[in-house]
């Protein structure tokens, strides 16, 4: 081929690299990932493109998106911890939750323990015994539960203690 001539399939323009251009005022997490907080909303950017937005007080969404960045390889756990000033263990726990349950794991209600000792039948029996006039320690002994457990249920108004009989003393 003669100099100055191009091949038929060869393009005359060279491919251009796209530089990461970020909006003004962002804080960088990595060279390609940044965030900014404006008017109570946090926006995450990959270059100039916003990739996620959440309210500043929405901790569940914050943990979910930062864990997602780690799991997908867009950021390291240490970079997230450094950028937001949070402990690394917090990021590790979020990443573990994301891997085990996915994004929905951050939004489900926290599991709570149900009544282990004072189930509905036990409460009903305890109330019956209290209504008969038995003292709470005696009721607890009969039901094979701790007296403190029964006292807490009375204080929480899940049970009504029997009315104490007044003893008339001779004057």
C-alpha atoms as a PDB file:
ATOM      1  CA  UNK A   1       0.000   0.000   0.000  1.00  0.00           C
ATOM      2  CA  UNK A   2       1.173   3.479  -0.795  1.00  0.00           C
ATOM      3  CA  UNK A   3       1.732   5.948   2.000  1.00  0.00           C
ATOM      4  CA  UNK A   4      -1.218   8.224   2.741  1.00  0.00           C
ATOM      5  CA  UNK A   5      -3.820   5.730   1.676  1.00  0.00           C
ATOM      6  CA  UNK A   6      -5.960   3.898   4.195  1.00  0.00           C
ATOM      7  CA  UNK A   7      -7.434   0.495   4.050  1.00  0.00           C
ATOM      8  CA  UNK A   8     -11.099   0.339   3.059  1.00  0.00           C
ATOM      9  CA  UNK A   9     -12.366  -0.785   6.515  1.00  0.00           C
ATOM     10  CA  UNK A  10     -10.022   1.395   8.525  1.00  0.00           C
ATOM     11  CA  UNK A  11     -11.514   4.406  10.282  1.00  0.00           C
ATOM     12  CA  UNK A  12      -9.767   7.764  10.090  1.00  0.00           C
ATOM     13  CA  UNK A  13     -10.731   8.723  13.657  1.00  0.00           C
ATOM     14  CA  UNK A  14      -9.090   7.217  16.682  1.00  0.00           C
ATOM     15  CA  UNK A  15     -11.261   5.953  19.537  1.00  0.00           C
ATOM     16  CA  UNK A  16     -11.554   8.490  22.353  1.00  0.00           C
ATOM     17  CA  UNK A  17     -11.338   7.572  26.013  1.00  0.00           C
ATOM     18  CA  UNK A  18     -14.152   8.921  28.106  1.00  0.00           C
ATOM     19  CA  UNK A  19     -12.815  10.652  31.172  1.00  0.00           C
ATOM     20  CA  UNK A  20     -14.859  10.502  34.361  1.00  0.00           C
ATOM     21  CA  UNK A  21     -16.449  13.934  34.616  1.00  0.00           C
ATOM     22  CA  UNK A  22     -18.212  14.493  37.931  1.00  0.00           C
ATOM     23  CA  UNK A  23     -20.645  17.227  38.890  1.00  0.00           C
ATOM     24  CA  UNK A  24     -19.208  19.975  41.057  1.00  0.00           C
ATOM     25  CA  UNK A  25     -19.146  19.451  44.812  1.00  0.00           C
ATOM     26  CA  UNK A  26     -19.060  15.659  44.961  1.00  0.00           C
ATOM     27  CA  UNK A  27     -16.998  13.579  47.362  1.00  0.00           C
ATOM     28  CA  UNK A  28     -15.121  10.683  45.801  1.00  0.00           C
ATOM     29  CA  UNK A  29     -15.442   7.121  46.991  1.00  0.00           C
ATOM     30  CA  UNK A  30     -13.222   5.745  44.204  1.00  0.00           C
ATOM     31  CA  UNK A  31     -11.822   7.419  41.069  1.00  0.00           C
ATOM     32  CA  UNK A  32     -15.003   6.359  39.223  1.00  0.00           C
ATOM     33  CA  UNK A  33     -17.597   6.576  42.015  1.00  0.00           C
ATOM     34  CA  UNK A  34     -18.701   9.647  43.983  1.00  0.00           C
ATOM     35  CA  UNK A  35     -21.593  11.007  46.043  1.00  0.00           C
ATOM     36  CA  UNK A  36     -23.050  14.316  47.133  1.00  0.00           C
ATOM     37  CA  UNK A  37     -25.729  15.340  49.605  1.00  0.00           C
ATOM     38  CA  UNK A  38     -28.030  18.182  48.552  1.00  0.00           C
ATOM     39  CA  UNK A  39     -31.249  19.250  50.303  1.00  0.00           C
ATOM     40  CA  UNK A  40     -31.481  16.098  52.402  1.00  0.00           C
ATOM     41  CA  UNK A  41     -30.970  13.668  49.503  1.00  0.00           C
ATOM     42  CA  UNK A  42     -27.803  11.685  48.778  1.00  0.00           C
ATOM     43  CA  UNK A  43     -26.998  11.013  45.128  1.00  0.00           C
ATOM     44  CA  UNK A  44     -24.337   8.537  43.990  1.00  0.00           C
ATOM     45  CA  UNK A  45     -22.563   9.117  40.672  1.00  0.00           C
ATOM     46  CA  UNK A  46     -20.603   6.963  38.266  1.00  0.00           C
ATOM     47  CA  UNK A  47     -18.912   9.743  36.333  1.00  0.00           C
ATOM     48  CA  UNK A  48     -21.584  12.300  35.513  1.00  0.00           C
ATOM     49  CA  UNK A  49     -24.401   9.756  35.614  1.00  0.00           C
ATOM     50  CA  UNK A  50     -26.436   9.419  38.829  1.00  0.00           C
ATOM     51  CA  UNK A  51     -26.848   5.754  39.766  1.00  0.00           C
ATOM     52  CA  UNK A  52     -28.830   5.889  43.028  1.00  0.00           C
ATOM     53  CA  UNK A  53     -30.617   8.440  45.218  1.00  0.00           C
ATOM     54  CA  UNK A  54     -31.978   8.154  48.775  1.00  0.00           C
ATOM     55  CA  UNK A  55     -33.004  10.407  51.641  1.00  0.00           C
ATOM     56  CA  UNK A  56     -30.141  11.362  53.933  1.00  0.00           C
ATOM     57  CA  UNK A  57     -31.875   9.806  56.961  1.00  0.00           C
ATOM     58  CA  UNK A  58     -32.595   6.503  55.140  1.00  0.00           C
ATOM     59  CA  UNK A  59     -29.965   4.279  56.759  1.00  0.00           C
ATOM     60  CA  UNK A  60     -31.317   1.065  55.194  1.00  0.00           C
ATOM     61  CA  UNK A  61     -30.888   2.418  51.657  1.00  0.00           C
ATOM     62  CA  UNK A  62     -27.415   3.747  52.507  1.00  0.00           C
ATOM     63  CA  UNK A  63     -26.291   0.351  53.782  1.00  0.00           C
ATOM     64  CA  UNK A  64     -27.885  -1.439  50.840  1.00  0.00           C
ATOM     65  CA  UNK A  65     -26.271   0.690  48.103  1.00  0.00           C
ATOM     66  CA  UNK A  66     -22.822   0.786  49.703  1.00  0.00           C
ATOM     67  CA  UNK A  67     -22.938  -2.996  50.168  1.00  0.00           C
ATOM     68  CA  UNK A  68     -24.003  -3.361  46.541  1.00  0.00           C
ATOM     69  CA  UNK A  69     -21.038  -1.258  45.422  1.00  0.00           C
ATOM     70  CA  UNK A  70     -18.739  -3.646  47.325  1.00  0.00           C
ATOM     71  CA  UNK A  71     -20.377  -6.857  46.106  1.00  0.00           C
ATOM     72  CA  UNK A  72     -20.370  -5.745  42.464  1.00  0.00           C
ATOM     73  CA  UNK A  73     -16.712  -4.705  42.660  1.00  0.00           C
ATOM     74  CA  UNK A  74     -17.279  -0.970  42.192  1.00  0.00           C
ATOM     75  CA  UNK A  75     -15.732  -0.131  45.573  1.00  0.00           C
ATOM     76  CA  UNK A  76     -13.758  -1.832  48.304  1.00  0.00           C
ATOM     77  CA  UNK A  77     -15.079  -2.053  51.846  1.00  0.00           C
ATOM     78  CA  UNK A  78     -12.187   0.068  53.086  1.00  0.00           C
ATOM     79  CA  UNK A  79     -12.993   2.774  50.503  1.00  0.00           C
ATOM     80  CA  UNK A  80     -16.630   2.909  51.661  1.00  0.00           C
ATOM     81  CA  UNK A  81     -15.577   3.083  55.326  1.00  0.00           C
ATOM     82  CA  UNK A  82     -13.058   5.842  54.586  1.00  0.00           C
ATOM     83  CA  UNK A  83     -15.382   7.915  52.373  1.00  0.00           C
ATOM     84  CA  UNK A  84     -18.253   7.938  54.878  1.00  0.00           C
ATOM     85  CA  UNK A  85     -16.269   7.785  58.122  1.00  0.00           C
ATOM     86  CA  UNK A  86     -17.952   4.609  59.358  1.00  0.00           C
ATOM     87  CA  UNK A  87     -16.403   1.537  61.005  1.00  0.00           C
ATOM     88  CA  UNK A  88     -15.282  -1.226  58.645  1.00  0.00           C
ATOM     89  CA  UNK A  89     -17.288  -3.790  60.599  1.00  0.00           C
ATOM     90  CA  UNK A  90     -20.463  -1.881  59.713  1.00  0.00           C
ATOM     91  CA  UNK A  91     -19.617  -2.236  56.025  1.00  0.00           C
ATOM     92  CA  UNK A  92     -18.696  -5.913  56.476  1.00  0.00           C
ATOM     93  CA  UNK A  93     -22.037  -6.648  58.132  1.00  0.00           C
ATOM     94  CA  UNK A  94     -23.921  -4.858  55.352  1.00  0.00           C
ATOM     95  CA  UNK A  95     -22.007  -6.792  52.683  1.00  0.00           C
ATOM     96  CA  UNK A  96     -22.753 -10.070  54.478  1.00  0.00           C
ATOM     97  CA  UNK A  97     -26.455  -9.209  54.650  1.00  0.00           C
ATOM     98  CA  UNK A  98     -26.478  -8.252  50.958  1.00  0.00           C
ATOM     99  CA  UNK A  99     -24.847 -11.559  49.978  1.00  0.00           C
ATOM    100  CA  UNK A 100     -27.220 -13.613  52.133  1.00  0.00           C
ATOM    101  CA  UNK A 101     -30.544 -11.834  51.531  1.00  0.00           C
ATOM    102  CA  UNK A 102     -30.010  -9.369  48.676  1.00  0.00           C
ATOM    103  CA  UNK A 103     -31.414  -5.825  48.677  1.00  0.00           C
ATOM    104  CA  UNK A 104     -34.697  -6.890  50.313  1.00  0.00           C
ATOM    105  CA  UNK A 105     -32.759  -7.932  53.427  1.00  0.00           C
ATOM    106  CA  UNK A 106     -32.213  -4.274  54.314  1.00  0.00           C
ATOM    107  CA  UNK A 107     -35.923  -3.434  54.268  1.00  0.00           C
ATOM    108  CA  UNK A 108     -37.541  -6.370  56.080  1.00  0.00           C
ATOM    109  CA  UNK A 109     -38.647  -5.900  59.681  1.00  0.00           C
ATOM    110  CA  UNK A 110     -36.136  -7.027  62.250  1.00  0.00           C
ATOM    111  CA  UNK A 111     -36.976 -10.406  63.742  1.00  0.00           C
ATOM    112  CA  UNK A 112     -38.181 -10.217  67.335  1.00  0.00           C
ATOM    113  CA  UNK A 113     -38.678 -12.900  69.929  1.00  0.00           C
ATOM    114  CA  UNK A 114     -42.205 -13.829  70.768  1.00  0.00           C
ATOM    115  CA  UNK A 115     -43.458 -14.619  74.241  1.00  0.00           C
ATOM    116  CA  UNK A 116     -41.320 -17.553  75.299  1.00  0.00           C
ATOM    117  CA  UNK A 117     -42.896 -18.169  78.700  1.00  0.00           C
ATOM    118  CA  UNK A 118     -46.062 -16.098  78.899  1.00  0.00           C
ATOM    119  CA  UNK A 119     -47.980 -17.552  75.985  1.00  0.00           C
ATOM    120  CA  UNK A 120     -51.705 -16.863  75.595  1.00  0.00           C
ATOM    121  CA  UNK A 121     -52.807 -20.020  77.509  1.00  0.00           C
ATOM    122  CA  UNK A 122     -50.374 -19.286  80.376  1.00  0.00           C
ATOM    123  CA  UNK A 123     -51.564 -15.661  80.579  1.00  0.00           C
ATOM    124  CA  UNK A 124     -55.185 -16.814  80.680  1.00  0.00           C
ATOM    125  CA  UNK A 125     -54.475 -19.301  83.485  1.00  0.00           C
ATOM    126  CA  UNK A 126     -52.419 -16.718  85.405  1.00  0.00           C
ATOM    127  CA  UNK A 127     -55.257 -14.193  85.141  1.00  0.00           C
ATOM    128  CA  UNK A 128     -57.778 -16.785  86.349  1.00  0.00           C
ATOM    129  CA  UNK A 129     -55.618 -17.561  89.393  1.00  0.00           C
ATOM    130  CA  UNK A 130     -55.067 -13.867  90.137  1.00  0.00           C
ATOM    131  CA  UNK A 131     -58.815 -13.256  89.877  1.00  0.00           C
ATOM    132  CA  UNK A 132     -59.364 -16.015  92.460  1.00  0.00           C
ATOM    133  CA  UNK A 133     -57.347 -13.880  94.863  1.00  0.00           C
ATOM    134  CA  UNK A 134     -54.018 -15.694  94.846  1.00  0.00           C
ATOM    135  CA  UNK A 135     -50.879 -13.624  95.340  1.00  0.00           C
ATOM    136  CA  UNK A 136     -48.544 -13.259  92.307  1.00  0.00           C
ATOM    137  CA  UNK A 137     -45.684 -15.301  93.871  1.00  0.00           C
ATOM    138  CA  UNK A 138     -48.113 -18.193  94.510  1.00  0.00           C
ATOM    139  CA  UNK A 139     -49.463 -17.965  90.949  1.00  0.00           C
ATOM    140  CA  UNK A 140     -45.899 -17.983  89.583  1.00  0.00           C
ATOM    141  CA  UNK A 141     -45.064 -21.070  91.637  1.00  0.00           C
ATOM    142  CA  UNK A 142     -48.181 -22.926  90.457  1.00  0.00           C
ATOM    143  CA  UNK A 143     -47.448 -22.121  86.804  1.00  0.00           C
ATOM    144  CA  UNK A 144     -43.728 -22.929  87.172  1.00  0.00           C
ATOM    145  CA  UNK A 145     -42.611 -19.491  86.009  1.00  0.00           C
ATOM    146  CA  UNK A 146     -40.339 -16.960  87.664  1.00  0.00           C
ATOM    147  CA  UNK A 147     -42.044 -14.469  89.987  1.00  0.00           C
ATOM    148  CA  UNK A 148     -40.266 -11.586  88.201  1.00  0.00           C
ATOM    149  CA  UNK A 149     -41.763 -12.679  84.876  1.00  0.00           C
ATOM    150  CA  UNK A 150     -45.246 -12.511  86.337  1.00  0.00           C
ATOM    151  CA  UNK A 151     -44.533  -9.160  88.046  1.00  0.00           C
ATOM    152  CA  UNK A 152     -43.324  -7.668  84.744  1.00  0.00           C
ATOM    153  CA  UNK A 153     -46.509  -8.816  83.015  1.00  0.00           C
ATOM    154  CA  UNK A 154     -48.576  -7.119  85.735  1.00  0.00           C
ATOM    155  CA  UNK A 155     -46.527  -3.891  85.461  1.00  0.00           C
ATOM    156  CA  UNK A 156     -46.878  -4.002  81.626  1.00  0.00           C
ATOM    157  CA  UNK A 157     -50.671  -4.373  82.176  1.00  0.00           C
ATOM    158  CA  UNK A 158     -50.813  -7.679  80.348  1.00  0.00           C
ATOM    159  CA  UNK A 159     -52.254  -9.063  83.594  1.00  0.00           C
ATOM    160  CA  UNK A 160     -54.401  -7.492  86.325  1.00  0.00           C
ATOM    161  CA  UNK A 161     -53.361  -8.265  89.847  1.00  0.00           C
ATOM    162  CA  UNK A 162     -56.177  -9.238  92.197  1.00  0.00           C
ATOM    163  CA  UNK A 163     -57.509  -6.645  94.596  1.00  0.00           C
ATOM    164  CA  UNK A 164     -55.895  -7.014  97.979  1.00  0.00           C
ATOM    165  CA  UNK A 165     -58.289  -7.746 100.792  1.00  0.00           C
ATOM    166  CA  UNK A 166     -58.256  -5.209 103.563  1.00  0.00           C
ATOM    167  CA  UNK A 167     -57.924  -6.633 106.994  1.00  0.00           C
ATOM    168  CA  UNK A 168     -59.862  -4.824 109.649  1.00  0.00           C
ATOM    169  CA  UNK A 169     -58.001  -4.612 112.871  1.00  0.00           C
ATOM    170  CA  UNK A 170     -59.715  -4.120 116.144  1.00  0.00           C
ATOM    171  CA  UNK A 171     -59.085  -0.708 117.630  1.00  0.00           C
END
